Every structure is written in C-alpha cells, then in structure tokens.
C-alpha cells in the first residue's frame, strides 16, 4: 500500500497532534483489522480516505 500524504496534511498532523509522518506509516503497516471509509460528503476523496482506530503505545502512550 502506498500512502499519499500531501504536505498540508503532514504539517497539520505535526502541528495539531505532534505526529510524524513516519509514525503514521507505522500505524498503517502494523494495523490489524479493517479500514473504515469516511463517507461524510465534505470528506469524500478519490482515493477514499481510510481510517482505523488504534491504541497509542510506546513513547507518549
């Protein structure tokens, strides 16, 4: 799976959540279970935005 993260998203997750792109990639590659697809009209994208819920572990968790 190739993750597409525009620079605006990279900046937002760092500023708003203190999350590095590397950490996002690790979550996607290490996840267990299915993705959720964001079907809210204002958030519909192509390809679809994929979500999942995970417990924070390790540093900061």
N, C-alpha and C. Protein backbone atom coordinates (compact mmCIF):
# COMPACT_ATOMS: atom_id res chain seq x y z
N UNK A 1 0.84 -1.18 0.00
CA UNK A 1 0.00 0.00 0.00
C UNK A 1 0.88 1.24 0.00
N UNK A 2 0.61 2.14 -0.92
CA UNK A 2 1.32 3.41 -0.95
C UNK A 2 0.47 4.46 -0.26
N UNK A 3 1.04 5.13 0.73
CA UNK A 3 0.32 6.19 1.42
C UNK A 3 0.62 7.52 0.75
N UNK A 4 -0.42 8.29 0.51
CA UNK A 4 -0.28 9.61 -0.09
C UNK A 4 -0.59 10.62 1.00
N UNK A 5 0.41 11.41 1.37
CA UNK A 5 0.21 12.43 2.39
C UNK A 5 0.68 13.77 1.85
N UNK A 6 -0.25 14.62 1.46
CA UNK A 6 0.13 15.96 0.99
C UNK A 6 0.87 16.71 2.08
N UNK A 7 1.70 17.65 1.69
CA UNK A 7 2.48 18.42 2.66
C UNK A 7 1.58 19.15 3.65
N UNK A 8 0.38 19.55 3.22
CA UNK A 8 -0.55 20.23 4.13
C UNK A 8 -0.99 19.28 5.25
N UNK A 9 -1.19 18.01 4.93
CA UNK A 9 -1.59 17.01 5.93
C UNK A 9 -0.41 16.72 6.86
N UNK A 10 0.77 16.60 6.28
CA UNK A 10 1.97 16.36 7.08
C UNK A 10 2.15 17.47 8.11
N UNK A 11 1.99 18.72 7.68
CA UNK A 11 2.13 19.85 8.59
C UNK A 11 1.04 19.85 9.65
N UNK A 12 -0.19 19.53 9.25
CA UNK A 12 -1.32 19.53 10.19
C UNK A 12 -1.13 18.49 11.28
N UNK A 13 -0.77 17.27 10.91
CA UNK A 13 -0.65 16.22 11.94
C UNK A 13 0.50 16.51 12.89
N UNK A 14 1.54 17.15 12.38
CA UNK A 14 2.66 17.51 13.25
C UNK A 14 2.26 18.64 14.20
N UNK A 15 1.66 19.68 13.66
CA UNK A 15 1.29 20.84 14.49
C UNK A 15 0.15 20.53 15.45
N UNK A 16 -0.90 19.88 14.96
CA UNK A 16 -2.10 19.66 15.76
C UNK A 16 -1.97 18.47 16.71
N UNK A 17 -1.26 17.43 16.27
CA UNK A 17 -1.23 16.18 17.05
C UNK A 17 0.18 15.76 17.48
N UNK A 18 1.22 16.45 16.99
CA UNK A 18 2.59 16.06 17.34
C UNK A 18 2.99 14.72 16.76
N UNK A 19 2.41 14.36 15.61
CA UNK A 19 2.66 13.06 14.99
C UNK A 19 3.51 13.23 13.74
N UNK A 20 4.56 12.44 13.65
CA UNK A 20 5.44 12.46 12.48
C UNK A 20 4.90 11.56 11.38
N UNK A 21 5.18 11.88 10.12
CA UNK A 21 4.75 11.02 9.02
C UNK A 21 5.20 9.57 9.21
N UNK A 22 6.40 9.36 9.73
CA UNK A 22 6.90 8.00 9.96
C UNK A 22 5.97 7.23 10.89
N UNK A 23 5.42 7.91 11.90
CA UNK A 23 4.51 7.26 12.84
C UNK A 23 3.20 6.87 12.17
N UNK A 24 2.73 7.71 11.26
CA UNK A 24 1.51 7.39 10.51
C UNK A 24 1.73 6.15 9.66
N UNK A 25 2.86 6.11 8.96
CA UNK A 25 3.18 4.96 8.13
C UNK A 25 3.25 3.68 8.97
N UNK A 26 3.88 3.76 10.15
CA UNK A 26 3.98 2.59 11.02
C UNK A 26 2.59 2.09 11.43
N UNK A 27 1.69 3.02 11.74
CA UNK A 27 0.32 2.62 12.14
C UNK A 27 -0.37 1.86 11.02
N UNK A 28 -0.27 2.38 9.80
CA UNK A 28 -0.94 1.72 8.68
C UNK A 28 -0.33 0.35 8.39
N UNK A 29 0.99 0.25 8.45
CA UNK A 29 1.62 -1.01 8.11
C UNK A 29 1.51 -2.06 9.20
N UNK A 30 1.26 -1.63 10.44
CA UNK A 30 1.18 -2.57 11.56
C UNK A 30 -0.23 -2.78 12.06
N UNK A 31 -1.22 -2.24 11.39
CA UNK A 31 -2.60 -2.32 11.86
C UNK A 31 -3.14 -3.74 11.73
N UNK A 32 -4.15 -4.01 12.55
CA UNK A 32 -4.87 -5.28 12.49
C UNK A 32 -6.35 -4.91 12.32
N UNK A 33 -7.06 -5.58 11.43
CA UNK A 33 -8.47 -5.30 11.23
C UNK A 33 -8.73 -4.54 9.95
N UNK A 34 -9.97 -4.14 9.79
CA UNK A 34 -10.39 -3.47 8.57
C UNK A 34 -10.26 -1.96 8.67
N UNK A 35 -10.25 -1.33 7.50
CA UNK A 35 -10.29 0.11 7.43
C UNK A 35 -11.73 0.58 7.47
N UNK A 36 -11.92 1.80 7.94
CA UNK A 36 -13.20 2.48 7.85
C UNK A 36 -13.06 3.49 6.72
N UNK A 37 -14.12 3.67 5.94
CA UNK A 37 -14.08 4.65 4.85
C UNK A 37 -14.92 5.84 5.27
N UNK A 38 -14.32 7.03 5.19
CA UNK A 38 -15.00 8.27 5.55
C UNK A 38 -16.00 8.61 4.45
N UNK A 39 -17.28 8.47 4.75
CA UNK A 39 -18.32 8.70 3.75
C UNK A 39 -19.00 10.06 3.91
N UNK A 40 -18.51 10.87 4.84
CA UNK A 40 -19.09 12.21 5.00
C UNK A 40 -18.87 12.99 3.72
N UNK A 41 -19.90 13.64 3.24
CA UNK A 41 -19.86 14.32 1.94
C UNK A 41 -18.67 15.26 1.82
N UNK A 42 -18.41 16.05 2.85
CA UNK A 42 -17.33 17.04 2.75
C UNK A 42 -15.94 16.39 2.81
N UNK A 43 -15.87 15.11 3.18
CA UNK A 43 -14.59 14.43 3.30
C UNK A 43 -14.35 13.38 2.22
N UNK A 44 -15.27 13.26 1.27
CA UNK A 44 -15.10 12.27 0.22
C UNK A 44 -13.93 12.64 -0.68
N UNK A 45 -13.06 11.69 -0.92
CA UNK A 45 -11.89 11.90 -1.76
C UNK A 45 -11.72 10.70 -2.68
N UNK A 46 -10.90 10.87 -3.69
CA UNK A 46 -10.51 9.77 -4.58
C UNK A 46 -9.00 9.72 -4.59
N UNK A 47 -8.37 8.69 -4.11
CA UNK A 47 -8.98 7.51 -3.49
C UNK A 47 -9.63 7.88 -2.15
N UNK A 48 -10.51 7.03 -1.64
CA UNK A 48 -11.21 7.33 -0.39
C UNK A 48 -10.24 7.47 0.78
N UNK A 49 -10.61 8.33 1.73
CA UNK A 49 -9.86 8.47 2.96
C UNK A 49 -10.13 7.23 3.81
N UNK A 50 -9.07 6.58 4.27
CA UNK A 50 -9.19 5.37 5.09
C UNK A 50 -8.86 5.71 6.54
N UNK A 51 -9.65 5.16 7.45
CA UNK A 51 -9.47 5.39 8.87
C UNK A 51 -9.35 4.04 9.59
N UNK A 52 -8.74 4.08 10.73
CA UNK A 52 -8.80 2.95 11.65
C UNK A 52 -8.56 3.47 13.05
N UNK A 53 -8.95 2.71 14.02
CA UNK A 53 -8.80 3.10 15.41
C UNK A 53 -7.71 2.24 16.01
N UNK A 54 -6.78 2.90 16.71
CA UNK A 54 -5.67 2.15 17.31
C UNK A 54 -5.34 2.72 18.69
N UNK A 55 -4.82 1.88 19.52
CA UNK A 55 -4.38 2.31 20.84
C UNK A 55 -2.96 2.86 20.71
N UNK A 56 -2.70 3.99 21.36
CA UNK A 56 -1.37 4.56 21.35
C UNK A 56 -0.50 3.77 22.32
N UNK A 57 0.68 3.37 21.87
CA UNK A 57 1.61 2.63 22.72
C UNK A 57 2.98 3.25 22.62
N UNK A 58 3.90 2.77 23.41
CA UNK A 58 5.27 3.25 23.34
C UNK A 58 5.41 4.65 23.91
N UNK A 59 6.36 5.41 23.38
CA UNK A 59 6.63 6.76 23.87
C UNK A 59 5.39 7.61 23.72
N UNK A 60 5.09 8.36 24.75
CA UNK A 60 3.94 9.24 24.72
C UNK A 60 2.62 8.53 24.97
N UNK A 61 2.63 7.21 25.13
CA UNK A 61 1.39 6.47 25.29
C UNK A 61 1.22 6.01 26.63
